[in-house]
Amino acid sequence: MEKFKNVIEFENAITKNKRIIAKKKKSVPFILLCITMLYVVLFNFSGHKLDVFFDNQLDFIKTLSFSFVSIICLYGMFIYYSIYKLSNQSKEWNKSLYNLSKLDESIIHNHQHSL
């Protein structure tokens, strides 16, 4: 009975990881759109309030563009790493689940031969 409970726990955890991975992948376009919209808003807002912090308009555009590209790269690495970590965890759980089921088959097989 304990092994059956472990199998159910592994299956539930694997399913939960798959849902989390799917949500993360689904959110990527939305997050990228939000970051791009923020870039456009800041770019258009530059002529009014942000000129004080920069020597000229070109410095502002360079800084804003570098920040935009950096944020996109960092977000991409974060998503890749988190999905990679969850996928590896699911693979390990699948191996454990396989070993549990393999162990159950060998126990049943040995039990039938002993009868």
N, C-alpha and C. Protein backbone atom coordinates (compact mmCIF):
# COMPACT_ATOMS: atom_id res chain seq x y z
N MET A 1 0.82 -1.20 0.00
CA MET A 1 0.00 0.00 0.00
C MET A 1 0.87 1.26 0.00
N GLU A 2 1.98 1.20 0.72
CA GLU A 2 2.88 2.35 0.79
C GLU A 2 3.45 2.69 -0.58
N LYS A 3 3.79 1.66 -1.36
CA LYS A 3 4.35 1.91 -2.70
C LYS A 3 3.30 2.52 -3.61
N PHE A 4 2.06 2.09 -3.47
CA PHE A 4 0.98 2.66 -4.27
C PHE A 4 0.81 4.14 -3.94
N LYS A 5 0.92 4.48 -2.69
CA LYS A 5 0.82 5.88 -2.26
C LYS A 5 1.98 6.69 -2.84
N ASN A 6 3.18 6.13 -2.86
CA ASN A 6 4.34 6.81 -3.45
C ASN A 6 4.16 7.03 -4.95
N VAL A 7 3.60 6.02 -5.63
CA VAL A 7 3.36 6.14 -7.07
C VAL A 7 2.39 7.29 -7.34
N ILE A 8 1.33 7.37 -6.56
CA ILE A 8 0.34 8.44 -6.75
C ILE A 8 0.98 9.80 -6.47
N GLU A 9 1.80 9.89 -5.43
CA GLU A 9 2.47 11.15 -5.13
C GLU A 9 3.41 11.58 -6.25
N PHE A 10 4.17 10.63 -6.80
CA PHE A 10 5.06 10.94 -7.92
C PHE A 10 4.26 11.41 -9.14
N GLU A 11 3.17 10.70 -9.44
CA GLU A 11 2.36 11.08 -10.60
C GLU A 11 1.76 12.47 -10.42
N ASN A 12 1.28 12.77 -9.23
CA ASN A 12 0.72 14.11 -8.96
C ASN A 12 1.79 15.19 -9.08
N ALA A 13 2.97 14.92 -8.55
CA ALA A 13 4.06 15.90 -8.62
C ALA A 13 4.51 16.12 -10.06
N ILE A 14 4.59 15.07 -10.84
CA ILE A 14 4.98 15.18 -12.25
C ILE A 14 3.94 15.99 -13.03
N THR A 15 2.68 15.72 -12.77
CA THR A 15 1.60 16.47 -13.42
C THR A 15 1.64 17.94 -13.04
N LYS A 16 1.90 18.21 -11.77
CA LYS A 16 2.00 19.60 -11.30
C LYS A 16 3.16 20.31 -12.00
N ASN A 17 4.31 19.64 -12.12
CA ASN A 17 5.46 20.23 -12.82
C ASN A 17 5.13 20.53 -14.28
N LYS A 18 4.42 19.62 -14.93
CA LYS A 18 4.05 19.84 -16.33
C LYS A 18 3.16 21.07 -16.46
N ARG A 19 2.23 21.24 -15.52
CA ARG A 19 1.37 22.42 -15.54
C ARG A 19 2.17 23.70 -15.34
N ILE A 20 3.11 23.68 -14.40
CA ILE A 20 3.93 24.85 -14.13
C ILE A 20 4.77 25.21 -15.36
N ILE A 21 5.36 24.21 -16.00
CA ILE A 21 6.16 24.45 -17.21
C ILE A 21 5.29 25.04 -18.32
N ALA A 22 4.09 24.50 -18.49
CA ALA A 22 3.18 25.01 -19.52
C ALA A 22 2.80 26.47 -19.23
N LYS A 23 2.54 26.79 -17.97
CA LYS A 23 2.19 28.17 -17.61
C LYS A 23 3.36 29.12 -17.88
N LYS A 24 4.57 28.68 -17.54
CA LYS A 24 5.74 29.53 -17.78
C LYS A 24 5.93 29.78 -19.28
N LYS A 25 5.79 28.74 -20.08
CA LYS A 25 5.95 28.88 -21.53
C LYS A 25 4.86 29.76 -22.11
N LYS A 26 3.64 29.65 -21.58
CA LYS A 26 2.53 30.44 -22.07
C LYS A 26 2.67 31.92 -21.70
N SER A 27 3.33 32.20 -20.58
CA SER A 27 3.45 33.59 -20.13
C SER A 27 4.55 34.37 -20.85
N VAL A 28 5.45 33.69 -21.53
CA VAL A 28 6.58 34.35 -22.18
C VAL A 28 6.13 35.43 -23.17
N PRO A 29 5.23 35.14 -24.11
CA PRO A 29 4.83 36.21 -25.05
C PRO A 29 4.19 37.40 -24.34
N PHE A 30 3.40 37.15 -23.33
CA PHE A 30 2.75 38.24 -22.60
C PHE A 30 3.78 39.12 -21.89
N ILE A 31 4.74 38.51 -21.24
CA ILE A 31 5.78 39.26 -20.54
C ILE A 31 6.62 40.07 -21.54
N LEU A 32 6.98 39.44 -22.65
CA LEU A 32 7.75 40.16 -23.67
C LEU A 32 6.97 41.34 -24.24
N LEU A 33 5.67 41.16 -24.43
CA LEU A 33 4.84 42.26 -24.91
C LEU A 33 4.80 43.39 -23.89
N CYS A 34 4.66 43.05 -22.62
CA CYS A 34 4.65 44.08 -21.56
C CYS A 34 5.97 44.84 -21.50
N ILE A 35 7.07 44.13 -21.59
CA ILE A 35 8.38 44.78 -21.56
C ILE A 35 8.55 45.69 -22.77
N THR A 36 8.11 45.23 -23.94
CA THR A 36 8.20 46.04 -25.15
C THR A 36 7.32 47.29 -25.04
N MET A 37 6.13 47.11 -24.49
CA MET A 37 5.24 48.27 -24.30
C MET A 37 5.87 49.28 -23.34
N LEU A 38 6.50 48.79 -22.28
CA LEU A 38 7.18 49.68 -21.34
C LEU A 38 8.31 50.44 -22.05
N TYR A 39 9.05 49.74 -22.90
CA TYR A 39 10.12 50.37 -23.68
C TYR A 39 9.56 51.50 -24.55
N VAL A 40 8.46 51.21 -25.24
CA VAL A 40 7.85 52.21 -26.13
C VAL A 40 7.35 53.41 -25.31
N VAL A 41 6.72 53.14 -24.18
CA VAL A 41 6.23 54.24 -23.33
C VAL A 41 7.38 55.09 -22.83
N LEU A 42 8.44 54.46 -22.35
CA LEU A 42 9.60 55.21 -21.86
C LEU A 42 10.28 55.99 -22.99
N PHE A 43 10.33 55.37 -24.17
CA PHE A 43 10.94 56.04 -25.32
C PHE A 43 10.15 57.30 -25.69
N ASN A 44 8.83 57.19 -25.67
CA ASN A 44 7.99 58.35 -26.01
C ASN A 44 7.95 59.38 -24.88
N PHE A 45 8.17 58.94 -23.67
CA PHE A 45 8.14 59.81 -22.50
C PHE A 45 9.43 60.60 -22.36
N SER A 46 10.45 60.21 -23.12
CA SER A 46 11.79 60.77 -22.96
C SER A 46 11.86 62.28 -23.17
N GLY A 47 11.09 62.81 -24.08
CA GLY A 47 11.18 64.21 -24.40
C GLY A 47 10.69 65.14 -23.30
N HIS A 48 10.02 64.60 -22.32
CA HIS A 48 9.41 65.45 -21.31
C HIS A 48 10.19 65.51 -20.00
N LYS A 49 10.38 64.39 -19.38
CA LYS A 49 10.90 64.39 -18.02
C LYS A 49 12.29 63.78 -17.86
N LEU A 50 12.67 62.89 -18.77
CA LEU A 50 13.90 62.12 -18.57
C LEU A 50 15.14 62.76 -19.18
N ASP A 51 14.99 63.83 -19.92
CA ASP A 51 16.15 64.49 -20.53
C ASP A 51 17.12 65.06 -19.50
N VAL A 52 16.63 65.33 -18.33
CA VAL A 52 17.46 65.90 -17.27
C VAL A 52 18.59 64.94 -16.87
N PHE A 53 18.33 63.65 -16.94
CA PHE A 53 19.29 62.65 -16.48
C PHE A 53 20.35 62.29 -17.52
N PHE A 54 20.18 62.72 -18.75
CA PHE A 54 21.10 62.35 -19.83
C PHE A 54 21.63 63.60 -20.53
N ASP A 55 22.82 63.46 -21.12
CA ASP A 55 23.43 64.59 -21.82
C ASP A 55 22.66 64.97 -23.08
N ASN A 56 22.24 63.93 -23.82
CA ASN A 56 21.48 64.20 -25.04
C ASN A 56 20.53 63.03 -25.32
N GLN A 57 19.76 63.19 -26.36
CA GLN A 57 18.75 62.19 -26.72
C GLN A 57 19.39 60.85 -27.11
N LEU A 58 20.53 60.89 -27.76
CA LEU A 58 21.21 59.67 -28.20
C LEU A 58 21.66 58.83 -27.00
N ASP A 59 22.17 59.47 -25.96
CA ASP A 59 22.55 58.74 -24.75
C ASP A 59 21.34 58.07 -24.10
N PHE A 60 20.24 58.77 -24.10
CA PHE A 60 19.01 58.20 -23.55
C PHE A 60 18.59 56.96 -24.34
N ILE A 61 18.60 57.06 -25.66
CA ILE A 61 18.19 55.93 -26.51
C ILE A 61 19.13 54.75 -26.32
N LYS A 62 20.43 55.00 -26.24
CA LYS A 62 21.40 53.92 -26.02
C LYS A 62 21.16 53.24 -24.67
N THR A 63 20.99 54.03 -23.64
CA THR A 63 20.77 53.48 -22.30
C THR A 63 19.47 52.69 -22.24
N LEU A 64 18.42 53.24 -22.81
CA LEU A 64 17.13 52.56 -22.81
C LEU A 64 17.19 51.26 -23.61
N SER A 65 17.84 51.30 -24.75
CA SER A 65 17.95 50.09 -25.59
C SER A 65 18.80 49.03 -24.91
N PHE A 66 19.91 49.43 -24.32
CA PHE A 66 20.76 48.48 -23.60
C PHE A 66 20.00 47.86 -22.43
N SER A 67 19.26 48.66 -21.72
CA SER A 67 18.46 48.15 -20.60
C SER A 67 17.41 47.17 -21.09
N PHE A 68 16.75 47.52 -22.19
CA PHE A 68 15.72 46.66 -22.77
C PHE A 68 16.30 45.30 -23.17
N VAL A 69 17.39 45.32 -23.90
CA VAL A 69 18.02 44.06 -24.35
C VAL A 69 18.51 43.25 -23.14
N SER A 70 19.08 43.92 -22.15
CA SER A 70 19.56 43.22 -20.95
C SER A 70 18.42 42.55 -20.20
N ILE A 71 17.32 43.26 -20.04
CA ILE A 71 16.16 42.69 -19.34
C ILE A 71 15.61 41.51 -20.09
N ILE A 72 15.52 41.61 -21.41
CA ILE A 72 15.02 40.50 -22.23
C ILE A 72 15.94 39.28 -22.08
N CYS A 73 17.24 39.51 -22.13
CA CYS A 73 18.21 38.40 -21.99
C CYS A 73 18.12 37.76 -20.61
N LEU A 74 18.07 38.57 -19.58
CA LEU A 74 17.96 38.04 -18.22
C LEU A 74 16.67 37.27 -18.02
N TYR A 75 15.58 37.79 -18.55
CA TYR A 75 14.30 37.09 -18.45
C TYR A 75 14.36 35.75 -19.20
N GLY A 76 14.95 35.76 -20.38
CA GLY A 76 15.09 34.52 -21.15
C GLY A 76 15.91 33.48 -20.41
N MET A 77 17.03 33.92 -19.81
CA MET A 77 17.85 32.97 -19.04
C MET A 77 17.10 32.45 -17.82
N PHE A 78 16.36 33.32 -17.15
CA PHE A 78 15.59 32.90 -15.98
C PHE A 78 14.54 31.86 -16.36
N ILE A 79 13.80 32.11 -17.43
CA ILE A 79 12.77 31.16 -17.87
C ILE A 79 13.42 29.84 -18.30
N TYR A 80 14.49 29.93 -19.08
CA TYR A 80 15.18 28.71 -19.52
C TYR A 80 15.65 27.89 -18.33
N TYR A 81 16.28 28.54 -17.36
CA TYR A 81 16.79 27.84 -16.18
C TYR A 81 15.67 27.22 -15.36
N SER A 82 14.60 27.96 -15.15
CA SER A 82 13.52 27.41 -14.32
C SER A 82 12.83 26.24 -15.01
N ILE A 83 12.63 26.33 -16.33
CA ILE A 83 12.03 25.21 -17.06
C ILE A 83 12.99 24.03 -17.10
N TYR A 84 14.26 24.29 -17.28
CA TYR A 84 15.28 23.23 -17.28
C TYR A 84 15.29 22.49 -15.94
N LYS A 85 15.24 23.26 -14.85
CA LYS A 85 15.26 22.68 -13.51
C LYS A 85 14.01 21.82 -13.26
N LEU A 86 12.85 22.33 -13.64
CA LEU A 86 11.61 21.57 -13.46
C LEU A 86 11.59 20.33 -14.34
N SER A 87 12.10 20.44 -15.55
CA SER A 87 12.14 19.27 -16.46
C SER A 87 13.05 18.18 -15.90
N ASN A 88 14.21 18.58 -15.40
CA ASN A 88 15.12 17.59 -14.81
C ASN A 88 14.51 16.93 -13.58
N GLN A 89 13.82 17.72 -12.77
CA GLN A 89 13.16 17.17 -11.60
C GLN A 89 12.09 16.16 -12.02
N SER A 90 11.32 16.48 -13.06
CA SER A 90 10.30 15.56 -13.55
C SER A 90 10.93 14.29 -14.11
N LYS A 91 12.07 14.42 -14.78
CA LYS A 91 12.77 13.24 -15.31
C LYS A 91 13.22 12.33 -14.17
N GLU A 92 13.76 12.93 -13.12
CA GLU A 92 14.18 12.13 -11.95
C GLU A 92 12.99 11.43 -11.32
N TRP A 93 11.88 12.14 -11.20
CA TRP A 93 10.69 11.53 -10.63
C TRP A 93 10.15 10.42 -11.53
N ASN A 94 10.25 10.59 -12.85
CA ASN A 94 9.84 9.53 -13.77
C ASN A 94 10.71 8.30 -13.61
N LYS A 95 12.02 8.51 -13.42
CA LYS A 95 12.91 7.37 -13.18
C LYS A 95 12.56 6.65 -11.89
N SER A 96 12.29 7.41 -10.85
CA SER A 96 11.91 6.82 -9.57
C SER A 96 10.59 6.07 -9.70
N LEU A 97 9.66 6.65 -10.43
CA LEU A 97 8.37 6.00 -10.65
C LEU A 97 8.56 4.71 -11.44
N TYR A 98 9.42 4.75 -12.44
CA TYR A 98 9.71 3.54 -13.22
C TYR A 98 10.34 2.46 -12.34
N ASN A 99 11.29 2.87 -11.50
CA ASN A 99 11.93 1.90 -10.60
C ASN A 99 10.93 1.31 -9.61
N LEU A 100 10.02 2.12 -9.12
CA LEU A 100 8.99 1.61 -8.22
C LEU A 100 8.09 0.60 -8.93
N SER A 101 7.67 0.90 -10.14
CA SER A 101 6.81 -0.02 -10.87
C SER A 101 7.56 -1.28 -11.27
N LYS A 102 8.84 -1.13 -11.60
CA LYS A 102 9.66 -2.29 -11.94
C LYS A 102 9.84 -3.18 -10.72
N LEU A 103 10.04 -2.56 -9.57
CA LEU A 103 10.17 -3.30 -8.32
C LEU A 103 8.89 -4.05 -8.01
N ASP A 104 7.74 -3.42 -8.22
CA ASP A 104 6.45 -4.08 -7.98
C ASP A 104 6.27 -5.27 -8.89
N GLU A 105 6.66 -5.16 -10.16
CA GLU A 105 6.54 -6.27 -11.10
C GLU A 105 7.43 -7.44 -10.68
N SER A 106 8.64 -7.14 -10.23
CA SER A 106 9.53 -8.22 -9.83
C SER A 106 9.04 -8.89 -8.56
N ILE A 107 8.46 -8.13 -7.66
CA ILE A 107 7.90 -8.73 -6.43
C ILE A 107 6.73 -9.62 -6.77
N ILE A 108 5.86 -9.15 -7.65
CA ILE A 108 4.69 -9.96 -8.05
C ILE A 108 5.17 -11.21 -8.78
N HIS A 109 6.15 -11.06 -9.66
CA HIS A 109 6.66 -12.18 -10.43
C HIS A 109 7.31 -13.22 -9.50
N ASN A 110 8.12 -12.78 -8.54
CA ASN A 110 8.76 -13.68 -7.59
C ASN A 110 7.74 -14.33 -6.68
N HIS A 111 6.73 -13.62 -6.31
CA HIS A 111 5.69 -14.15 -5.43
C HIS A 111 4.90 -15.25 -6.13
N GLN A 112 4.63 -15.09 -7.43
CA GLN A 112 3.90 -16.09 -8.18
C GLN A 112 4.72 -17.36 -8.35
N HIS A 113 6.03 -17.25 -8.50
CA HIS A 113 6.89 -18.44 -8.66
C HIS A 113 7.04 -19.18 -7.33
N SER A 114 6.97 -18.48 -6.24
CA SER A 114 7.12 -19.15 -4.96
C SER A 114 5.87 -19.92 -4.57
N LEU A 115 4.73 -19.60 -5.18
CA LEU A 115 3.50 -20.33 -4.90
C LEU A 115 3.50 -21.58 -5.66
